[in-house]
């Protein structure tokens, strides 16, 4: 069975973090894959956004940094705790559709896609407008 860890870096996101985590529940059916853990790496939030997250029906682990270590550092902290084949770095202001994870993991698990090392899913704003979230590989011409 496919397994997944989710890492969320938080810093004073208020109720957005809770909304994000709640959206993971219907997006992670036990029959489709194993969600090993959701790691919330909190960068010294003072707004109470990480309080009470353990009560969710999710395998949540919270890292409580005493100071803001930065986004990349916190991503690495969360990823180090994982043991799954796949890691999703999810922003706390995002919400998943019920089929978001299943479709992405099925794609990655197909033999013909074994050379894929990173995958991004389509971003859609609150009005349903698709947002651009990709760019071509940088070249000297494009940088100029």
N, C-alpha and C. Protein backbone atom coordinates (compact mmCIF):
# COMPACT_ATOMS: atom_id res chain seq x y z
N UNK A 1 0.84 -1.19 0.00
CA UNK A 1 0.00 0.00 0.00
C UNK A 1 0.88 1.25 0.00
N UNK A 2 0.44 2.26 -0.70
CA UNK A 2 1.14 3.54 -0.76
C UNK A 2 1.06 4.20 0.62
N UNK A 3 2.16 4.81 1.04
CA UNK A 3 2.13 5.54 2.31
C UNK A 3 2.60 6.97 2.11
N UNK A 4 2.10 7.85 2.98
CA UNK A 4 2.32 9.28 2.83
C UNK A 4 2.50 9.95 4.18
N UNK A 5 3.43 10.89 4.22
CA UNK A 5 3.57 11.82 5.34
C UNK A 5 3.25 13.21 4.80
N UNK A 6 2.62 14.03 5.63
CA UNK A 6 2.33 15.41 5.27
C UNK A 6 3.06 16.32 6.24
N UNK A 7 3.76 17.32 5.70
CA UNK A 7 4.48 18.29 6.52
C UNK A 7 3.88 19.67 6.26
N UNK A 8 3.49 20.33 7.34
CA UNK A 8 2.92 21.68 7.26
C UNK A 8 3.76 22.59 8.16
N UNK A 9 4.27 23.67 7.59
CA UNK A 9 5.00 24.66 8.38
C UNK A 9 4.02 25.76 8.75
N UNK A 10 3.95 26.06 10.03
CA UNK A 10 2.98 27.02 10.54
C UNK A 10 3.68 28.18 11.24
N UNK A 11 3.13 29.36 11.03
CA UNK A 11 3.53 30.53 11.80
C UNK A 11 2.34 31.49 11.84
N UNK A 12 1.65 31.47 12.97
CA UNK A 12 0.54 32.40 13.21
C UNK A 12 -0.50 32.40 12.09
N UNK A 13 -0.96 31.22 11.70
CA UNK A 13 -1.94 31.15 10.61
C UNK A 13 -3.38 31.12 11.10
N UNK A 14 -3.57 31.22 12.41
CA UNK A 14 -4.93 31.26 12.95
C UNK A 14 -5.72 30.03 12.59
N UNK A 15 -6.98 30.23 12.20
CA UNK A 15 -7.88 29.10 11.91
C UNK A 15 -7.56 28.44 10.57
N UNK A 16 -6.72 29.04 9.74
CA UNK A 16 -6.38 28.43 8.46
C UNK A 16 -5.73 27.06 8.64
N UNK A 17 -4.89 26.92 9.65
CA UNK A 17 -4.23 25.64 9.89
C UNK A 17 -5.26 24.56 10.20
N UNK A 18 -6.20 24.86 11.07
CA UNK A 18 -7.24 23.89 11.41
C UNK A 18 -8.08 23.53 10.19
N UNK A 19 -8.44 24.51 9.38
CA UNK A 19 -9.20 24.25 8.15
C UNK A 19 -8.41 23.36 7.20
N UNK A 20 -7.11 23.61 7.09
CA UNK A 20 -6.24 22.80 6.24
C UNK A 20 -6.24 21.35 6.72
N UNK A 21 -6.00 21.15 8.01
CA UNK A 21 -5.96 19.80 8.56
C UNK A 21 -7.31 19.09 8.42
N UNK A 22 -8.38 19.80 8.62
CA UNK A 22 -9.71 19.20 8.46
C UNK A 22 -9.94 18.74 7.02
N UNK A 23 -9.37 19.45 6.05
CA UNK A 23 -9.56 19.06 4.65
C UNK A 23 -8.79 17.78 4.32
N UNK A 24 -7.82 17.42 5.12
CA UNK A 24 -7.04 16.20 4.88
C UNK A 24 -7.88 14.96 5.19
N UNK A 25 -8.77 15.05 6.15
CA UNK A 25 -9.54 13.87 6.59
C UNK A 25 -10.32 13.24 5.43
N UNK A 26 -11.17 13.97 4.70
CA UNK A 26 -11.87 13.32 3.58
C UNK A 26 -10.96 13.05 2.38
N UNK A 27 -9.79 13.66 2.34
CA UNK A 27 -8.86 13.46 1.22
C UNK A 27 -7.93 12.28 1.45
N UNK A 28 -8.09 11.57 2.56
CA UNK A 28 -7.18 10.45 2.84
C UNK A 28 -7.94 9.19 3.23
N UNK A 29 -8.68 8.62 2.27
CA UNK A 29 -9.42 7.39 2.57
C UNK A 29 -8.46 6.24 2.86
N UNK A 30 -8.73 5.50 3.91
CA UNK A 30 -7.84 4.41 4.34
C UNK A 30 -7.72 3.32 3.27
N UNK A 31 -8.70 3.20 2.40
CA UNK A 31 -8.66 2.17 1.37
C UNK A 31 -7.71 2.53 0.23
N UNK A 32 -7.35 3.80 0.09
CA UNK A 32 -6.54 4.24 -1.04
C UNK A 32 -5.05 4.32 -0.71
N UNK A 33 -4.71 4.73 0.50
CA UNK A 33 -3.32 4.85 0.91
C UNK A 33 -3.26 4.97 2.43
N UNK A 34 -2.07 4.84 2.97
CA UNK A 34 -1.86 4.95 4.41
C UNK A 34 -1.26 6.31 4.73
N UNK A 35 -1.99 7.12 5.46
CA UNK A 35 -1.47 8.40 5.94
C UNK A 35 -0.76 8.12 7.26
N UNK A 36 0.56 8.08 7.21
CA UNK A 36 1.34 7.75 8.41
C UNK A 36 1.30 8.87 9.44
N UNK A 37 1.55 10.10 8.98
CA UNK A 37 1.52 11.20 9.93
C UNK A 37 1.42 12.55 9.23
N UNK A 38 0.86 13.49 9.97
CA UNK A 38 0.83 14.90 9.58
C UNK A 38 1.71 15.62 10.59
N UNK A 39 2.81 16.16 10.13
CA UNK A 39 3.72 16.87 11.01
C UNK A 39 3.46 18.36 10.84
N UNK A 40 3.16 19.03 11.93
CA UNK A 40 3.03 20.48 11.92
C UNK A 40 4.27 21.02 12.61
N UNK A 41 5.12 21.68 11.84
CA UNK A 41 6.32 22.31 12.39
C UNK A 41 5.97 23.77 12.64
N UNK A 42 5.77 24.10 13.90
CA UNK A 42 5.34 25.45 14.25
C UNK A 42 6.54 26.32 14.59
N UNK A 43 6.62 27.46 13.95
CA UNK A 43 7.73 28.39 14.12
C UNK A 43 7.39 29.47 15.15
N UNK A 44 7.18 29.03 16.40
CA UNK A 44 6.97 29.93 17.53
C UNK A 44 5.74 30.83 17.36
N UNK A 45 4.65 30.24 16.91
CA UNK A 45 3.40 31.01 16.78
C UNK A 45 2.93 31.48 18.15
N UNK A 46 2.29 32.63 18.15
CA UNK A 46 1.76 33.20 19.40
C UNK A 46 0.24 33.35 19.35
N UNK A 47 -0.36 32.82 18.28
CA UNK A 47 -1.80 33.01 18.10
C UNK A 47 -2.65 31.81 18.52
N UNK A 48 -2.02 30.78 19.07
CA UNK A 48 -2.76 29.60 19.50
C UNK A 48 -3.18 28.68 18.35
N UNK A 49 -2.63 28.88 17.18
CA UNK A 49 -3.06 28.09 16.01
C UNK A 49 -2.74 26.61 16.12
N UNK A 50 -1.80 26.21 16.96
CA UNK A 50 -1.49 24.78 17.10
C UNK A 50 -2.17 24.14 18.31
N UNK A 51 -2.89 24.92 19.08
CA UNK A 51 -3.56 24.38 20.27
C UNK A 51 -4.74 23.49 19.88
N UNK A 52 -4.80 22.31 20.46
CA UNK A 52 -5.93 21.41 20.27
C UNK A 52 -5.91 20.57 19.01
N UNK A 53 -4.84 20.62 18.24
CA UNK A 53 -4.79 19.86 16.98
C UNK A 53 -4.75 18.35 17.20
N UNK A 54 -4.27 17.94 18.36
CA UNK A 54 -4.18 16.51 18.66
C UNK A 54 -5.54 15.84 18.71
N UNK A 55 -6.61 16.61 18.87
CA UNK A 55 -7.95 16.03 18.97
C UNK A 55 -8.55 15.68 17.61
N UNK A 56 -7.91 16.06 16.52
CA UNK A 56 -8.39 15.73 15.18
C UNK A 56 -8.24 14.23 14.92
N UNK A 57 -9.05 13.73 14.01
CA UNK A 57 -8.95 12.32 13.63
C UNK A 57 -7.84 12.12 12.60
N UNK A 58 -6.68 12.58 12.96
CA UNK A 58 -5.49 12.47 12.11
C UNK A 58 -4.29 12.11 12.98
N UNK A 59 -3.31 11.43 12.40
CA UNK A 59 -2.08 11.17 13.14
C UNK A 59 -1.18 12.41 13.13
N UNK A 60 -1.45 13.35 14.04
CA UNK A 60 -0.77 14.64 14.06
C UNK A 60 0.40 14.62 15.04
N UNK A 61 1.55 15.09 14.56
CA UNK A 61 2.72 15.32 15.40
C UNK A 61 3.04 16.80 15.30
N UNK A 62 3.24 17.44 16.44
CA UNK A 62 3.52 18.87 16.44
C UNK A 62 4.95 19.11 16.93
N UNK A 63 5.70 19.84 16.14
CA UNK A 63 7.03 20.31 16.53
C UNK A 63 6.84 21.76 16.95
N UNK A 64 7.18 22.08 18.18
CA UNK A 64 7.01 23.44 18.70
C UNK A 64 8.38 24.11 18.83
N UNK A 65 8.77 24.82 17.79
CA UNK A 65 10.03 25.56 17.83
C UNK A 65 9.89 26.76 18.76
N UNK A 66 10.92 27.03 19.52
CA UNK A 66 10.91 28.15 20.47
C UNK A 66 11.16 29.49 19.79
N UNK A 67 11.65 29.44 18.55
CA UNK A 67 11.86 30.64 17.75
C UNK A 67 11.55 30.31 16.30
N UNK A 68 11.35 31.32 15.49
CA UNK A 68 11.05 31.11 14.08
C UNK A 68 12.33 30.67 13.38
N UNK A 69 12.38 29.40 13.01
CA UNK A 69 13.55 28.81 12.38
C UNK A 69 13.56 29.01 10.87
N UNK A 70 12.46 29.50 10.31
CA UNK A 70 12.37 29.68 8.87
C UNK A 70 11.67 28.51 8.21
N UNK A 71 11.18 28.77 7.01
CA UNK A 71 10.37 27.79 6.29
C UNK A 71 11.17 26.53 5.93
N UNK A 72 12.34 26.70 5.32
CA UNK A 72 13.11 25.55 4.87
C UNK A 72 13.56 24.67 6.04
N UNK A 73 14.01 25.29 7.10
CA UNK A 73 14.44 24.55 8.28
C UNK A 73 13.29 23.71 8.82
N UNK A 74 12.11 24.33 8.94
CA UNK A 74 10.94 23.63 9.48
C UNK A 74 10.47 22.51 8.54
N UNK A 75 10.57 22.72 7.23
CA UNK A 75 10.26 21.65 6.28
C UNK A 75 11.16 20.44 6.53
N UNK A 76 12.44 20.70 6.67
CA UNK A 76 13.39 19.62 6.92
C UNK A 76 13.14 18.93 8.25
N UNK A 77 12.79 19.70 9.28
CA UNK A 77 12.45 19.10 10.57
C UNK A 77 11.32 18.10 10.42
N UNK A 78 10.27 18.52 9.73
CA UNK A 78 9.11 17.65 9.54
C UNK A 78 9.43 16.43 8.71
N UNK A 79 10.17 16.62 7.62
CA UNK A 79 10.51 15.51 6.74
C UNK A 79 11.37 14.47 7.45
N UNK A 80 12.25 14.91 8.35
CA UNK A 80 13.11 13.98 9.09
C UNK A 80 12.31 13.01 9.95
N UNK A 81 11.14 13.42 10.40
CA UNK A 81 10.33 12.56 11.26
C UNK A 81 9.61 11.47 10.48
N UNK A 82 9.55 11.61 9.19
CA UNK A 82 8.77 10.69 8.38
C UNK A 82 9.52 9.43 8.00
N UNK A 83 8.73 8.43 7.62
CA UNK A 83 9.28 7.17 7.14
C UNK A 83 8.55 6.68 5.90
N UNK A 84 7.70 7.53 5.35
CA UNK A 84 6.88 7.14 4.20
C UNK A 84 7.65 7.28 2.90
N UNK A 85 7.12 6.61 1.87
CA UNK A 85 7.70 6.70 0.54
C UNK A 85 7.50 8.10 -0.04
N UNK A 86 6.37 8.72 0.28
CA UNK A 86 6.04 10.03 -0.26
C UNK A 86 5.85 11.05 0.85
N UNK A 87 6.25 12.30 0.57
CA UNK A 87 6.08 13.41 1.50
C UNK A 87 5.37 14.53 0.77
N UNK A 88 4.33 15.04 1.38
CA UNK A 88 3.62 16.20 0.84
C UNK A 88 3.94 17.39 1.72
N UNK A 89 4.49 18.45 1.12
CA UNK A 89 4.68 19.71 1.82
C UNK A 89 3.45 20.55 1.49
N UNK A 90 2.65 20.82 2.51
CA UNK A 90 1.36 21.48 2.33
C UNK A 90 1.35 22.79 3.10
N UNK A 91 0.97 23.87 2.43
CA UNK A 91 0.88 25.16 3.10
C UNK A 91 -0.37 25.20 3.98
N UNK A 92 -0.30 25.85 5.13
CA UNK A 92 -1.43 25.86 6.06
C UNK A 92 -2.65 26.65 5.57
N UNK A 93 -2.48 27.45 4.52
CA UNK A 93 -3.62 28.19 3.99
C UNK A 93 -4.29 27.45 2.82
N UNK A 94 -3.87 26.21 2.59
CA UNK A 94 -4.45 25.41 1.50
C UNK A 94 -5.51 24.45 2.05
N UNK A 95 -6.45 24.10 1.19
CA UNK A 95 -7.45 23.08 1.50
C UNK A 95 -7.44 22.08 0.36
N UNK A 96 -7.54 20.81 0.71
CA UNK A 96 -7.53 19.75 -0.28
C UNK A 96 -8.95 19.39 -0.71
N UNK A 97 -9.10 19.03 -1.99
CA UNK A 97 -10.33 18.43 -2.46
C UNK A 97 -10.31 16.96 -2.04
N UNK A 98 -11.46 16.31 -1.93
CA UNK A 98 -11.47 14.90 -1.51
C UNK A 98 -10.62 13.96 -2.36
N UNK A 99 -10.44 14.26 -3.64
CA UNK A 99 -9.66 13.36 -4.49
C UNK A 99 -8.23 13.85 -4.78
N UNK A 100 -7.82 14.94 -4.19
CA UNK A 100 -6.51 15.53 -4.48
C UNK A 100 -5.36 14.56 -4.24
N UNK A 101 -5.33 13.94 -3.09
CA UNK A 101 -4.21 13.07 -2.75
C UNK A 101 -4.26 11.75 -3.49
N UNK A 102 -5.43 11.17 -3.62
CA UNK A 102 -5.57 9.88 -4.28
C UNK A 102 -5.06 9.95 -5.72
N UNK A 103 -5.49 10.97 -6.45
CA UNK A 103 -5.06 11.11 -7.85
C UNK A 103 -3.54 11.29 -7.95
N UNK A 104 -2.98 12.13 -7.12
CA UNK A 104 -1.54 12.39 -7.17
C UNK A 104 -0.73 11.15 -6.81
N UNK A 105 -1.14 10.45 -5.78
CA UNK A 105 -0.40 9.25 -5.35
C UNK A 105 -0.53 8.12 -6.36
N UNK A 106 -1.69 7.97 -6.96
CA UNK A 106 -1.85 6.95 -8.01
C UNK A 106 -0.93 7.24 -9.19
N UNK A 107 -0.85 8.52 -9.56
CA UNK A 107 0.05 8.90 -10.66
C UNK A 107 1.49 8.54 -10.31
N UNK A 108 1.93 8.92 -9.12
CA UNK A 108 3.32 8.65 -8.72
C UNK A 108 3.61 7.16 -8.61
N UNK A 109 2.61 6.37 -8.26
CA UNK A 109 2.81 4.94 -8.04
C UNK A 109 2.80 4.12 -9.33
N UNK A 110 2.42 4.72 -10.45
CA UNK A 110 2.42 4.00 -11.72
C UNK A 110 3.86 3.75 -12.18
N UNK A 111 4.10 2.56 -12.66
CA UNK A 111 5.44 2.15 -13.10
C UNK A 111 6.01 3.10 -14.15
N UNK A 112 5.17 3.57 -15.07
CA UNK A 112 5.65 4.44 -16.15
C UNK A 112 6.10 5.82 -15.63
N UNK A 113 5.75 6.16 -14.38
CA UNK A 113 6.13 7.45 -13.80
C UNK A 113 7.23 7.32 -12.75
N UNK A 114 7.94 6.22 -12.76
CA UNK A 114 8.95 6.00 -11.71
C UNK A 114 10.10 7.00 -11.76
N UNK A 115 10.27 7.69 -12.87
CA UNK A 115 11.35 8.68 -12.95
C UNK A 115 10.91 10.06 -12.42
N UNK A 116 9.63 10.20 -12.05
CA UNK A 116 9.14 11.46 -11.51
C UNK A 116 9.60 11.58 -10.06
N UNK A 117 10.27 12.68 -9.75
CA UNK A 117 10.80 12.87 -8.41
C UNK A 117 10.03 13.90 -7.60
N UNK A 118 9.28 14.75 -8.27
CA UNK A 118 8.51 15.78 -7.57
C UNK A 118 7.25 16.05 -8.38
N UNK A 119 6.18 16.34 -7.67
CA UNK A 119 4.89 16.55 -8.31
C UNK A 119 4.17 17.68 -7.61
N UNK A 120 3.55 18.53 -8.38
CA UNK A 120 2.72 19.60 -7.84
C UNK A 120 1.31 19.39 -8.36
N UNK A 121 0.34 19.65 -7.52
CA UNK A 121 -1.04 19.53 -7.97
C UNK A 121 -1.57 20.91 -8.34
N UNK A 122 -2.66 20.91 -9.06
CA UNK A 122 -3.24 22.15 -9.56
C UNK A 122 -3.79 23.00 -8.42
N UNK A 123 -3.48 24.28 -8.47
CA UNK A 123 -3.99 25.22 -7.48
C UNK A 123 -5.24 25.90 -8.01
N UNK A 124 -6.25 25.99 -7.16
CA UNK A 124 -7.51 26.62 -7.52
C UNK A 124 -7.86 27.60 -6.41
N UNK A 125 -8.20 28.84 -6.76
CA UNK A 125 -8.55 29.81 -5.73
C UNK A 125 -10.00 29.62 -5.27
N UNK A 126 -10.43 30.45 -4.33
CA UNK A 126 -11.77 30.30 -3.73
C UNK A 126 -12.91 30.52 -4.72
N UNK A 127 -12.61 31.18 -5.86
CA UNK A 127 -13.62 31.39 -6.89
C UNK A 127 -13.60 30.29 -7.96
N UNK A 128 -12.72 29.31 -7.78
CA UNK A 128 -12.62 28.21 -8.74
C UNK A 128 -11.71 28.49 -9.91
N UNK A 129 -10.94 29.57 -9.86
CA UNK A 129 -10.03 29.93 -10.94
C UNK A 129 -8.71 29.18 -10.74
N UNK A 130 -8.25 28.53 -11.81
CA UNK A 130 -6.99 27.80 -11.76
C UNK A 130 -5.84 28.80 -11.75
N UNK A 131 -4.92 28.61 -10.80
CA UNK A 131 -3.76 29.49 -10.64
C UNK A 131 -2.52 28.82 -11.22
N UNK A 132 -1.68 29.60 -11.86
CA UNK A 132 -0.44 29.06 -12.39
C UNK A 132 0.52 28.77 -11.25
N UNK A 133 1.04 27.56 -11.22
CA UNK A 133 1.96 27.19 -10.14
C UNK A 133 3.18 26.44 -10.67
N UNK A 134 3.45 26.60 -11.96
CA UNK A 134 4.62 25.94 -12.54
C UNK A 134 5.39 26.94 -13.39
N UNK A 135 6.62 26.58 -13.67
CA UNK A 135 7.44 27.39 -14.56
C UNK A 135 8.38 26.44 -15.29
N UNK A 136 8.83 26.86 -16.42
CA UNK A 136 9.80 26.06 -17.17
C UNK A 136 11.15 26.10 -16.45
N UNK A 137 11.98 25.09 -16.74
CA UNK A 137 13.32 25.05 -16.16
C UNK A 137 14.07 26.32 -16.58
N UNK A 138 14.72 27.00 -15.65
CA UNK A 138 15.40 28.25 -16.00
C UNK A 138 16.55 28.02 -17.00
N UNK A 139 16.64 28.94 -17.91
CA UNK A 139 17.74 28.91 -18.88
C UNK A 139 18.38 30.29 -18.86
N UNK A 140 19.58 30.42 -19.42
CA UNK A 140 20.21 31.75 -19.47
C UNK A 140 19.30 32.77 -20.17
N UNK A 141 18.62 32.33 -21.23
CA UNK A 141 17.75 33.22 -21.97
C UNK A 141 16.57 33.69 -21.11
N UNK A 142 15.94 32.76 -20.39
CA UNK A 142 14.79 33.15 -19.57
C UNK A 142 15.19 34.02 -18.39
N UNK A 143 16.37 33.82 -17.87
CA UNK A 143 16.85 34.63 -16.75
C UNK A 143 17.22 36.04 -17.21
N UNK A 144 17.67 36.15 -18.45
CA UNK A 144 18.05 37.44 -18.97
C UNK A 144 16.83 38.28 -19.24
